[in-house]
N, C-alpha and C. Protein backbone atom coordinates (compact mmCIF):
# COMPACT_ATOMS: atom_id res chain seq x y z
N MET A 1 -9.53 -47.43 29.55
CA MET A 1 -9.16 -47.12 28.17
C MET A 1 -7.65 -47.29 27.99
N PRO A 2 -7.22 -48.00 26.97
CA PRO A 2 -5.78 -48.14 26.71
C PRO A 2 -5.14 -46.77 26.45
N ARG A 3 -3.87 -46.68 26.77
CA ARG A 3 -3.14 -45.45 26.50
C ARG A 3 -1.77 -45.81 25.93
N LEU A 4 -1.06 -44.79 25.47
CA LEU A 4 0.21 -45.01 24.80
C LEU A 4 1.39 -44.60 25.67
N GLN A 5 2.51 -45.28 25.45
CA GLN A 5 3.79 -44.88 26.02
C GLN A 5 4.84 -45.06 24.94
N ALA A 6 5.90 -44.26 25.03
CA ALA A 6 7.00 -44.38 24.09
C ALA A 6 8.27 -43.89 24.76
N ASP A 7 9.41 -44.25 24.19
CA ASP A 7 10.71 -43.85 24.73
C ASP A 7 11.44 -42.98 23.72
N ALA A 8 11.02 -41.74 23.59
CA ALA A 8 11.69 -40.82 22.67
C ALA A 8 13.00 -40.36 23.30
N ASP A 9 14.06 -40.37 22.52
CA ASP A 9 15.39 -39.97 23.00
C ASP A 9 15.35 -38.52 23.47
N PRO A 10 15.59 -38.25 24.77
CA PRO A 10 15.51 -36.87 25.27
C PRO A 10 16.60 -35.96 24.70
N ALA A 11 17.64 -36.54 24.09
CA ALA A 11 18.66 -35.72 23.45
C ALA A 11 18.17 -35.16 22.11
N LEU A 12 17.12 -35.80 21.55
CA LEU A 12 16.61 -35.39 20.24
C LEU A 12 15.22 -34.77 20.30
N TRP A 13 14.41 -35.21 21.27
CA TRP A 13 12.99 -34.83 21.29
C TRP A 13 12.61 -34.16 22.60
N VAL A 14 11.68 -33.22 22.51
CA VAL A 14 11.08 -32.60 23.69
C VAL A 14 9.61 -33.01 23.74
N PRO A 15 9.17 -33.67 24.81
CA PRO A 15 7.75 -34.06 24.89
C PRO A 15 6.87 -32.85 25.17
N VAL A 16 5.80 -32.75 24.43
CA VAL A 16 4.84 -31.66 24.64
C VAL A 16 3.72 -32.13 25.56
N THR A 17 3.48 -33.42 25.58
CA THR A 17 2.33 -33.99 26.27
C THR A 17 2.23 -33.59 27.73
N GLU A 18 3.34 -33.64 28.45
CA GLU A 18 3.28 -33.34 29.89
C GLU A 18 4.08 -32.10 30.25
N SER A 19 4.33 -31.24 29.27
CA SER A 19 5.12 -30.04 29.54
C SER A 19 4.20 -28.91 29.97
N LEU A 20 3.75 -28.98 31.20
CA LEU A 20 2.81 -27.98 31.71
C LEU A 20 3.52 -26.68 32.08
N GLY A 21 2.80 -25.59 32.02
CA GLY A 21 3.32 -24.30 32.44
C GLY A 21 4.50 -23.84 31.61
N TRP A 22 5.56 -23.39 32.28
CA TRP A 22 6.72 -22.83 31.58
C TRP A 22 7.57 -23.90 30.94
N ARG A 23 7.52 -25.13 31.51
CA ARG A 23 8.37 -26.19 30.98
C ARG A 23 7.97 -26.56 29.56
N GLY A 24 8.87 -26.42 28.62
CA GLY A 24 8.58 -26.78 27.24
C GLY A 24 7.76 -25.75 26.48
N ARG A 25 7.51 -24.58 27.12
CA ARG A 25 6.65 -23.58 26.49
C ARG A 25 7.19 -23.10 25.15
N ARG A 26 8.49 -22.84 25.07
CA ARG A 26 9.10 -22.34 23.82
C ARG A 26 8.97 -23.38 22.71
N HIS A 27 9.20 -24.65 23.05
CA HIS A 27 9.11 -25.71 22.05
C HIS A 27 7.66 -25.91 21.58
N ARG A 28 6.73 -25.84 22.54
CA ARG A 28 5.31 -25.98 22.16
C ARG A 28 4.91 -24.89 21.19
N LYS A 29 5.25 -23.65 21.54
CA LYS A 29 4.84 -22.51 20.73
C LYS A 29 5.44 -22.59 19.33
N ALA A 30 6.72 -22.97 19.25
CA ALA A 30 7.38 -23.07 17.94
C ALA A 30 6.74 -24.16 17.10
N ALA A 31 6.41 -25.31 17.71
CA ALA A 31 5.80 -26.40 16.96
C ALA A 31 4.42 -26.01 16.45
N ILE A 32 3.64 -25.36 17.30
CA ILE A 32 2.29 -24.95 16.89
C ILE A 32 2.37 -23.88 15.80
N ARG A 33 3.34 -22.96 15.93
CA ARG A 33 3.53 -21.93 14.91
C ARG A 33 3.86 -22.57 13.56
N MET A 34 4.71 -23.63 13.59
CA MET A 34 5.06 -24.33 12.35
C MET A 34 3.83 -25.00 11.75
N LEU A 35 3.04 -25.67 12.57
CA LEU A 35 1.84 -26.35 12.05
C LEU A 35 0.84 -25.34 11.50
N LEU A 36 0.67 -24.20 12.17
CA LEU A 36 -0.25 -23.18 11.67
C LEU A 36 0.23 -22.60 10.35
N SER A 37 1.55 -22.37 10.23
CA SER A 37 2.07 -21.81 8.98
C SER A 37 1.92 -22.81 7.84
N GLN A 38 2.09 -24.12 8.14
CA GLN A 38 1.89 -25.13 7.10
C GLN A 38 0.43 -25.19 6.68
N ALA A 39 -0.48 -25.08 7.65
CA ALA A 39 -1.91 -25.07 7.31
C ALA A 39 -2.27 -23.84 6.49
N ASN A 40 -1.72 -22.69 6.86
CA ASN A 40 -1.96 -21.46 6.09
C ASN A 40 -1.47 -21.61 4.66
N ARG A 41 -0.26 -22.19 4.52
CA ARG A 41 0.30 -22.36 3.18
C ARG A 41 -0.55 -23.30 2.34
N ALA A 42 -1.06 -24.35 2.97
CA ALA A 42 -1.91 -25.30 2.24
C ALA A 42 -3.20 -24.64 1.75
N MET A 43 -3.64 -23.59 2.48
CA MET A 43 -4.85 -22.88 2.07
C MET A 43 -4.53 -21.66 1.21
N GLY A 44 -3.25 -21.49 0.87
CA GLY A 44 -2.87 -20.42 -0.05
C GLY A 44 -2.50 -19.11 0.59
N ALA A 45 -2.30 -19.07 1.90
CA ALA A 45 -1.92 -17.83 2.58
C ALA A 45 -0.60 -18.05 3.30
N ASP A 46 0.34 -17.12 3.16
CA ASP A 46 1.63 -17.25 3.82
C ASP A 46 1.53 -16.99 5.32
N GLN A 47 0.83 -15.95 5.69
CA GLN A 47 0.70 -15.60 7.10
C GLN A 47 -0.67 -14.97 7.32
N ARG A 48 -1.37 -15.40 8.32
CA ARG A 48 -2.69 -14.83 8.62
C ARG A 48 -2.59 -13.90 9.80
N PRO A 49 -3.40 -12.87 9.81
CA PRO A 49 -3.38 -11.96 10.97
C PRO A 49 -3.70 -12.73 12.26
N GLY A 50 -2.93 -12.44 13.29
CA GLY A 50 -3.18 -13.09 14.58
C GLY A 50 -2.56 -14.46 14.73
N SER A 51 -1.76 -14.92 13.75
CA SER A 51 -1.17 -16.26 13.84
C SER A 51 -0.26 -16.40 15.06
N ALA A 52 0.51 -15.36 15.37
CA ALA A 52 1.41 -15.43 16.52
C ALA A 52 0.62 -15.54 17.82
N VAL A 53 -0.47 -14.80 17.91
CA VAL A 53 -1.32 -14.86 19.11
C VAL A 53 -1.98 -16.23 19.20
N ALA A 54 -2.44 -16.74 18.06
CA ALA A 54 -3.07 -18.06 18.05
C ALA A 54 -2.08 -19.14 18.48
N ALA A 55 -0.85 -19.05 17.99
CA ALA A 55 0.18 -20.04 18.38
C ALA A 55 0.43 -19.98 19.88
N TRP A 56 0.51 -18.77 20.43
CA TRP A 56 0.73 -18.64 21.87
C TRP A 56 -0.43 -19.24 22.65
N ALA A 57 -1.66 -18.90 22.27
CA ALA A 57 -2.84 -19.41 22.98
C ALA A 57 -2.93 -20.93 22.91
N MET A 58 -2.66 -21.47 21.73
CA MET A 58 -2.72 -22.92 21.58
C MET A 58 -1.60 -23.60 22.37
N SER A 59 -0.43 -22.95 22.44
CA SER A 59 0.68 -23.55 23.19
C SER A 59 0.35 -23.63 24.68
N GLN A 60 -0.44 -22.69 25.18
CA GLN A 60 -0.84 -22.72 26.59
C GLN A 60 -1.90 -23.78 26.85
N ALA A 61 -2.80 -23.98 25.89
CA ALA A 61 -3.91 -24.93 26.07
C ALA A 61 -3.51 -26.37 25.75
N ALA A 62 -2.52 -26.55 24.85
CA ALA A 62 -2.18 -27.89 24.36
C ALA A 62 -1.88 -28.90 25.47
N PRO A 63 -1.03 -28.58 26.45
CA PRO A 63 -0.73 -29.60 27.47
C PRO A 63 -1.95 -30.02 28.27
N PHE A 64 -2.84 -29.08 28.56
CA PHE A 64 -4.04 -29.42 29.33
C PHE A 64 -4.99 -30.30 28.52
N LEU A 65 -5.09 -30.01 27.21
CA LEU A 65 -5.93 -30.84 26.35
C LEU A 65 -5.36 -32.26 26.24
N MET A 66 -4.04 -32.35 26.12
CA MET A 66 -3.42 -33.68 26.01
C MET A 66 -3.47 -34.43 27.32
N LYS A 67 -3.36 -33.70 28.43
CA LYS A 67 -3.48 -34.36 29.73
C LYS A 67 -4.89 -34.93 29.89
N ARG A 68 -5.85 -34.18 29.37
CA ARG A 68 -7.24 -34.65 29.43
C ARG A 68 -7.45 -35.88 28.54
N ALA A 69 -6.62 -36.00 27.50
CA ALA A 69 -6.70 -37.17 26.62
C ALA A 69 -6.19 -38.43 27.31
N ALA A 70 -5.58 -38.27 28.49
CA ALA A 70 -5.19 -39.39 29.36
C ALA A 70 -4.34 -40.43 28.64
N GLY A 71 -3.28 -39.98 27.96
CA GLY A 71 -2.37 -40.91 27.33
C GLY A 71 -2.79 -41.42 25.97
N ARG A 72 -3.93 -40.97 25.48
CA ARG A 72 -4.36 -41.40 24.14
C ARG A 72 -3.66 -40.60 23.05
N VAL A 73 -3.01 -39.49 23.42
CA VAL A 73 -2.27 -38.66 22.48
C VAL A 73 -0.92 -38.31 23.10
N LEU A 74 0.16 -38.50 22.33
CA LEU A 74 1.50 -38.11 22.73
C LEU A 74 2.10 -37.24 21.63
N VAL A 75 2.81 -36.20 22.01
CA VAL A 75 3.40 -35.29 21.02
C VAL A 75 4.83 -34.94 21.42
N TRP A 76 5.70 -34.88 20.41
CA TRP A 76 7.09 -34.47 20.60
C TRP A 76 7.47 -33.46 19.51
N VAL A 77 8.46 -32.63 19.83
CA VAL A 77 9.04 -31.73 18.84
C VAL A 77 10.55 -31.96 18.81
N TRP A 78 11.16 -31.63 17.68
CA TRP A 78 12.59 -31.79 17.49
C TRP A 78 13.32 -30.80 18.39
N LYS A 79 14.18 -31.29 19.25
CA LYS A 79 14.81 -30.44 20.27
C LYS A 79 15.68 -29.35 19.66
N ALA A 80 16.48 -29.68 18.66
CA ALA A 80 17.41 -28.71 18.09
C ALA A 80 16.70 -27.62 17.31
N ASP A 81 15.54 -27.93 16.76
CA ASP A 81 14.79 -26.97 15.95
C ASP A 81 13.30 -27.30 16.05
N PRO A 82 12.59 -26.77 17.06
CA PRO A 82 11.19 -27.12 17.29
C PRO A 82 10.27 -26.83 16.11
N GLU A 83 10.68 -25.92 15.24
CA GLU A 83 9.83 -25.60 14.08
C GLU A 83 10.09 -26.52 12.90
N LEU A 84 10.99 -27.51 13.07
CA LEU A 84 11.31 -28.41 11.97
C LEU A 84 10.38 -29.61 11.92
N VAL A 85 10.21 -30.30 13.05
CA VAL A 85 9.44 -31.55 13.06
C VAL A 85 8.52 -31.61 14.27
N VAL A 86 7.28 -32.05 14.03
CA VAL A 86 6.33 -32.36 15.10
C VAL A 86 5.86 -33.80 14.88
N VAL A 87 5.88 -34.60 15.94
CA VAL A 87 5.44 -36.00 15.87
C VAL A 87 4.29 -36.18 16.84
N MET A 88 3.19 -36.77 16.37
CA MET A 88 2.04 -37.03 17.22
C MET A 88 1.63 -38.49 17.10
N ALA A 89 1.49 -39.16 18.24
CA ALA A 89 0.99 -40.53 18.29
C ALA A 89 -0.38 -40.51 18.94
N GLN A 90 -1.28 -41.34 18.43
CA GLN A 90 -2.60 -41.42 19.05
C GLN A 90 -3.19 -42.81 18.90
N ILE A 91 -4.07 -43.14 19.82
CA ILE A 91 -4.79 -44.40 19.77
C ILE A 91 -6.28 -44.08 19.72
N GLN A 92 -6.98 -44.76 18.81
CA GLN A 92 -8.41 -44.54 18.64
C GLN A 92 -9.12 -45.89 18.58
N GLU A 93 -10.34 -45.92 19.08
CA GLU A 93 -11.13 -47.13 18.96
C GLU A 93 -11.43 -47.38 17.49
N ALA A 94 -11.28 -48.63 17.06
CA ALA A 94 -11.46 -48.98 15.66
C ALA A 94 -12.94 -49.11 15.32
N THR A 95 -13.61 -47.97 15.21
CA THR A 95 -15.04 -47.96 14.88
C THR A 95 -15.23 -48.15 13.37
N ALA A 96 -16.44 -48.47 12.98
CA ALA A 96 -16.75 -48.62 11.56
C ALA A 96 -16.52 -47.30 10.82
N GLN A 97 -16.85 -46.18 11.47
CA GLN A 97 -16.66 -44.86 10.85
C GLN A 97 -15.17 -44.58 10.60
N LEU A 98 -14.32 -44.94 11.57
CA LEU A 98 -12.88 -44.71 11.40
C LEU A 98 -12.33 -45.58 10.28
N ARG A 99 -12.77 -46.83 10.23
CA ARG A 99 -12.29 -47.72 9.16
C ARG A 99 -12.77 -47.22 7.79
N THR A 100 -13.99 -46.70 7.72
CA THR A 100 -14.49 -46.16 6.46
C THR A 100 -13.69 -44.94 6.04
N ALA A 101 -13.40 -44.05 6.98
CA ALA A 101 -12.62 -42.86 6.67
C ALA A 101 -11.23 -43.23 6.17
N ARG A 102 -10.61 -44.24 6.77
CA ARG A 102 -9.28 -44.67 6.33
C ARG A 102 -9.35 -45.29 4.94
N ALA A 103 -10.42 -46.02 4.65
CA ALA A 103 -10.56 -46.65 3.32
C ALA A 103 -10.78 -45.62 2.22
N MET A 104 -11.27 -44.43 2.59
CA MET A 104 -11.58 -43.40 1.59
C MET A 104 -10.43 -42.40 1.39
N MET A 105 -9.25 -42.69 1.94
CA MET A 105 -8.11 -41.79 1.76
C MET A 105 -7.68 -41.79 0.30
N PRO A 106 -7.02 -40.72 -0.15
CA PRO A 106 -6.57 -40.66 -1.55
C PRO A 106 -5.66 -41.82 -1.91
N MET A 107 -5.58 -42.11 -3.22
CA MET A 107 -4.85 -43.28 -3.70
C MET A 107 -3.37 -43.27 -3.32
N GLU A 108 -2.75 -42.07 -3.26
CA GLU A 108 -1.33 -42.02 -2.92
C GLU A 108 -1.06 -42.53 -1.51
N TYR A 109 -2.10 -42.60 -0.68
CA TYR A 109 -1.93 -43.13 0.67
C TYR A 109 -1.86 -44.65 0.70
N ASP A 110 -2.05 -45.28 -0.46
CA ASP A 110 -1.94 -46.74 -0.55
C ASP A 110 -0.49 -47.19 -0.72
N ASP A 111 0.41 -46.26 -0.98
CA ASP A 111 1.81 -46.59 -1.26
C ASP A 111 2.58 -46.76 0.04
N THR A 112 2.20 -47.77 0.81
CA THR A 112 2.81 -47.99 2.12
C THR A 112 3.82 -49.13 2.07
N GLU A 113 4.63 -49.20 3.09
CA GLU A 113 5.56 -50.31 3.25
C GLU A 113 5.38 -50.87 4.65
N SER A 114 5.78 -52.13 4.84
CA SER A 114 5.68 -52.76 6.16
C SER A 114 6.65 -52.09 7.13
N PHE A 115 6.18 -51.95 8.37
CA PHE A 115 7.01 -51.34 9.41
C PHE A 115 6.87 -52.17 10.67
N ARG A 116 7.98 -52.68 11.16
CA ARG A 116 7.97 -53.61 12.30
C ARG A 116 8.27 -52.89 13.61
N SER A 117 7.47 -53.21 14.61
CA SER A 117 7.67 -52.70 15.97
C SER A 117 7.69 -53.88 16.93
N ALA A 118 8.61 -53.86 17.88
CA ALA A 118 8.70 -54.96 18.84
C ALA A 118 7.45 -55.06 19.71
N TYR A 119 6.77 -53.93 19.92
CA TYR A 119 5.62 -53.90 20.81
C TYR A 119 4.29 -54.09 20.08
N LEU A 120 4.15 -53.48 18.91
CA LEU A 120 2.87 -53.48 18.21
C LEU A 120 2.83 -54.43 17.03
N GLY A 121 3.95 -55.07 16.71
CA GLY A 121 3.98 -55.99 15.58
C GLY A 121 4.21 -55.25 14.27
N THR A 122 3.75 -55.85 13.19
CA THR A 122 3.95 -55.26 11.86
C THR A 122 2.81 -54.32 11.52
N GLY A 123 3.17 -53.11 11.17
CA GLY A 123 2.18 -52.12 10.75
C GLY A 123 2.54 -51.60 9.37
N GLU A 124 2.07 -50.41 9.07
CA GLU A 124 2.34 -49.79 7.77
C GLU A 124 2.99 -48.43 7.96
N LYS A 125 3.89 -48.11 7.05
CA LYS A 125 4.55 -46.80 7.06
C LYS A 125 4.34 -46.16 5.69
N LEU A 126 3.96 -44.91 5.71
CA LEU A 126 3.84 -44.12 4.49
C LEU A 126 4.72 -42.88 4.65
N ALA A 127 5.76 -42.78 3.84
CA ALA A 127 6.63 -41.61 3.86
C ALA A 127 6.40 -40.80 2.59
N MET A 128 6.13 -39.52 2.75
CA MET A 128 5.90 -38.62 1.61
C MET A 128 6.92 -37.47 1.69
N PRO A 129 8.18 -37.72 1.28
CA PRO A 129 9.18 -36.66 1.36
C PRO A 129 8.95 -35.53 0.36
N LEU A 130 8.30 -35.86 -0.77
CA LEU A 130 8.04 -34.86 -1.81
C LEU A 130 6.59 -34.97 -2.27
N PRO A 131 5.64 -34.48 -1.47
CA PRO A 131 4.23 -34.53 -1.91
C PRO A 131 4.06 -33.77 -3.22
N GLN A 132 3.11 -34.25 -4.05
CA GLN A 132 2.90 -33.64 -5.36
C GLN A 132 2.53 -32.17 -5.24
N ASP A 133 1.68 -31.85 -4.30
CA ASP A 133 1.29 -30.45 -4.08
C ASP A 133 2.42 -29.75 -3.33
N GLN A 134 3.00 -28.73 -3.94
CA GLN A 134 4.12 -28.01 -3.33
C GLN A 134 3.75 -27.37 -1.99
N ARG A 135 2.46 -27.13 -1.77
CA ARG A 135 2.03 -26.51 -0.51
C ARG A 135 1.95 -27.51 0.64
N THR A 136 1.99 -28.81 0.32
CA THR A 136 1.90 -29.85 1.36
C THR A 136 3.29 -30.14 1.91
N PRO A 137 3.46 -30.05 3.22
CA PRO A 137 4.78 -30.33 3.80
C PRO A 137 5.08 -31.83 3.75
N PRO A 138 6.35 -32.20 3.77
CA PRO A 138 6.68 -33.62 3.83
C PRO A 138 6.19 -34.23 5.14
N PHE A 139 5.76 -35.48 5.08
CA PHE A 139 5.22 -36.11 6.28
C PHE A 139 5.42 -37.62 6.22
N ALA A 140 5.23 -38.26 7.34
CA ALA A 140 5.26 -39.72 7.43
C ALA A 140 4.16 -40.15 8.38
N THR A 141 3.50 -41.25 8.05
CA THR A 141 2.50 -41.82 8.95
C THR A 141 2.81 -43.30 9.17
N TYR A 142 2.54 -43.75 10.37
CA TYR A 142 2.74 -45.15 10.75
C TYR A 142 1.41 -45.61 11.34
N THR A 143 0.98 -46.80 10.97
CA THR A 143 -0.34 -47.27 11.42
C THR A 143 -0.27 -48.73 11.84
N TRP A 144 -0.90 -49.03 12.97
CA TRP A 144 -1.08 -50.41 13.42
C TRP A 144 -2.55 -50.62 13.74
N ASP A 145 -3.08 -51.75 13.32
CA ASP A 145 -4.46 -52.12 13.61
C ASP A 145 -4.42 -53.30 14.57
N THR A 146 -4.85 -53.07 15.82
CA THR A 146 -4.82 -54.14 16.81
C THR A 146 -6.09 -54.99 16.80
N GLY A 147 -7.03 -54.61 15.96
CA GLY A 147 -8.33 -55.29 15.94
C GLY A 147 -9.38 -54.46 16.66
N THR A 148 -9.05 -53.98 17.85
CA THR A 148 -9.99 -53.15 18.61
C THR A 148 -9.62 -51.67 18.52
N HIS A 149 -8.34 -51.37 18.23
CA HIS A 149 -7.88 -49.99 18.18
C HIS A 149 -6.96 -49.75 16.98
N ILE A 150 -6.92 -48.51 16.55
CA ILE A 150 -5.99 -48.08 15.52
C ILE A 150 -4.96 -47.17 16.19
N VAL A 151 -3.69 -47.50 16.05
CA VAL A 151 -2.60 -46.69 16.59
C VAL A 151 -1.91 -46.01 15.41
N THR A 152 -1.78 -44.70 15.48
CA THR A 152 -1.13 -43.97 14.39
C THR A 152 -0.06 -43.04 14.94
N VAL A 153 0.97 -42.87 14.17
CA VAL A 153 2.00 -41.87 14.42
C VAL A 153 2.07 -41.01 13.17
N THR A 154 1.97 -39.71 13.34
CA THR A 154 2.06 -38.77 12.22
C THR A 154 3.17 -37.78 12.51
N ALA A 155 4.08 -37.65 11.55
CA ALA A 155 5.19 -36.70 11.68
C ALA A 155 5.12 -35.71 10.53
N VAL A 156 5.19 -34.43 10.84
CA VAL A 156 5.16 -33.37 9.83
C VAL A 156 6.47 -32.60 9.92
N CYS A 157 7.10 -32.40 8.76
CA CYS A 157 8.38 -31.69 8.70
C CYS A 157 8.17 -30.40 7.92
N ALA A 158 8.82 -29.34 8.36
CA ALA A 158 8.63 -28.03 7.74
C ALA A 158 9.42 -27.87 6.44
N GLU A 159 10.49 -28.65 6.25
CA GLU A 159 11.37 -28.45 5.11
C GLU A 159 11.59 -29.75 4.34
N ARG A 160 11.32 -29.73 3.06
CA ARG A 160 11.53 -30.90 2.22
C ARG A 160 12.99 -31.32 2.20
N GLU A 161 13.89 -30.33 2.19
CA GLU A 161 15.32 -30.63 2.08
C GLU A 161 15.86 -31.36 3.30
N ARG A 162 15.23 -31.19 4.46
CA ARG A 162 15.75 -31.78 5.69
C ARG A 162 14.96 -32.98 6.17
N PHE A 163 13.93 -33.36 5.44
CA PHE A 163 13.10 -34.50 5.85
C PHE A 163 13.93 -35.77 5.98
N GLY A 164 14.82 -36.00 5.03
CA GLY A 164 15.65 -37.22 5.06
C GLY A 164 16.59 -37.29 6.24
N THR A 165 16.92 -36.14 6.82
CA THR A 165 17.85 -36.14 7.96
C THR A 165 17.18 -36.50 9.28
N VAL A 166 15.84 -36.44 9.33
CA VAL A 166 15.14 -36.71 10.59
C VAL A 166 14.28 -37.97 10.54
N ILE A 167 14.06 -38.55 9.36
CA ILE A 167 13.13 -39.69 9.26
C ILE A 167 13.63 -40.89 10.07
N GLY A 168 14.94 -41.08 10.17
CA GLY A 168 15.46 -42.19 10.98
C GLY A 168 15.10 -42.05 12.45
N ALA A 169 15.20 -40.82 12.96
CA ALA A 169 14.84 -40.57 14.37
C ALA A 169 13.34 -40.74 14.59
N ILE A 170 12.55 -40.38 13.58
CA ILE A 170 11.10 -40.57 13.68
C ILE A 170 10.78 -42.06 13.72
N ASP A 171 11.46 -42.85 12.87
CA ASP A 171 11.29 -44.31 12.90
C ASP A 171 11.58 -44.86 14.29
N ASP A 172 12.66 -44.36 14.91
CA ASP A 172 13.05 -44.86 16.23
C ASP A 172 11.96 -44.60 17.27
N VAL A 173 11.35 -43.41 17.23
CA VAL A 173 10.26 -43.11 18.16
C VAL A 173 9.08 -44.04 17.92
N ALA A 174 8.72 -44.22 16.65
CA ALA A 174 7.58 -45.08 16.31
C ALA A 174 7.80 -46.51 16.78
N ARG A 175 9.03 -46.99 16.71
CA ARG A 175 9.32 -48.37 17.13
C ARG A 175 9.16 -48.58 18.63
N THR A 176 9.29 -47.51 19.44
CA THR A 176 9.18 -47.67 20.89
C THR A 176 7.74 -47.54 21.39
N LEU A 177 6.82 -47.19 20.51
CA LEU A 177 5.43 -46.96 20.91
C LEU A 177 4.79 -48.27 21.37
N ARG A 178 4.04 -48.21 22.45
CA ARG A 178 3.37 -49.40 22.96
C ARG A 178 2.07 -49.00 23.66
N ILE A 179 1.19 -49.98 23.78
CA ILE A 179 -0.10 -49.77 24.45
C ILE A 179 0.01 -50.31 25.87
N VAL A 180 -0.44 -49.52 26.84
CA VAL A 180 -0.50 -49.97 28.23
C VAL A 180 -1.94 -49.81 28.71
N ASP A 181 -2.30 -50.63 29.67
CA ASP A 181 -3.67 -50.59 30.17
C ASP A 181 -3.69 -51.04 31.61
N ASP A 182 -4.74 -50.69 32.31
CA ASP A 182 -4.95 -51.19 33.66
C ASP A 182 -5.57 -52.58 33.56
N VAL A 183 -5.01 -53.50 34.33
CA VAL A 183 -5.48 -54.88 34.30
C VAL A 183 -6.07 -55.24 35.65
N ALA A 184 -7.33 -55.66 35.66
CA ALA A 184 -7.97 -56.10 36.90
C ALA A 184 -7.53 -57.52 37.21
N ILE A 185 -7.27 -57.83 38.49
CA ILE A 185 -6.84 -59.16 38.90
C ILE A 185 -8.04 -59.91 39.42
N GLY A 186 -8.44 -60.95 38.69
CA GLY A 186 -9.56 -61.77 39.12
C GLY A 186 -10.81 -60.95 39.37
N GLU A 187 -11.48 -61.21 40.50
CA GLU A 187 -12.68 -60.49 40.86
C GLU A 187 -12.40 -59.40 41.88
N SER A 188 -11.10 -59.15 42.13
CA SER A 188 -10.73 -58.14 43.12
C SER A 188 -11.00 -56.74 42.56
N ALA A 189 -11.31 -55.82 43.44
CA ALA A 189 -11.53 -54.43 43.03
C ALA A 189 -10.21 -53.70 42.82
N GLN A 190 -9.11 -54.34 43.24
CA GLN A 190 -7.80 -53.71 43.08
C GLN A 190 -7.37 -53.76 41.61
N VAL A 191 -6.56 -52.81 41.26
CA VAL A 191 -6.07 -52.73 39.87
C VAL A 191 -4.56 -52.77 39.88
N LEU A 192 -4.00 -53.56 39.01
CA LEU A 192 -2.55 -53.66 38.87
C LEU A 192 -2.13 -52.86 37.66
N ARG A 193 -1.24 -51.91 37.85
CA ARG A 193 -0.69 -51.13 36.73
C ARG A 193 0.69 -51.70 36.39
N LEU A 194 0.85 -52.19 35.17
CA LEU A 194 2.09 -52.79 34.74
C LEU A 194 2.95 -51.74 34.06
N ASP A 195 4.12 -51.48 34.62
CA ASP A 195 5.06 -50.57 33.99
C ASP A 195 5.76 -51.28 32.84
N PRO A 196 6.14 -50.52 31.81
CA PRO A 196 6.83 -51.18 30.69
C PRO A 196 8.18 -51.74 31.16
N SER A 197 8.54 -52.91 30.63
CA SER A 197 9.80 -53.53 31.05
C SER A 197 10.92 -53.15 30.11
């Protein structure tokens, strides 16, 4: 199965994907707390009972779930303020159901622009700094269709006022995203793993 790699600037981003145990725990918890509070706000509640406990539990489980995803999901949080931005990249098989679901997205999701990546070619970028619904946080999505797989990057920001200050760094992460895979050599049972150059 293909998997993803990216070169997020360690001065700006903390990877959640491989931050097992204590490493990255504070950043994981803050990012999950931000996402839970945004989901609560979208459903009309400012804070739900047990949200802090849920954030802690999810922060402990998240690295193991992503490790199990075997590189199909990568997540980073903003180093200076983990509750400000969460970025998630994922690769999915381009099934008919996935294509149908993407075609049925709301009309405002059609307002995309071309986005070029050296590794994945030209894809689409949708930036929503000021969503119409005040409860919806600002976000950006990047999408590439390889024919067999759909690669997406989704970034959620907690503050509308600061979205413009981080979108450039999000673009930079999206541009470094690439697909890697194990390649069999001829009829040999050996497998060659190609590291990114």
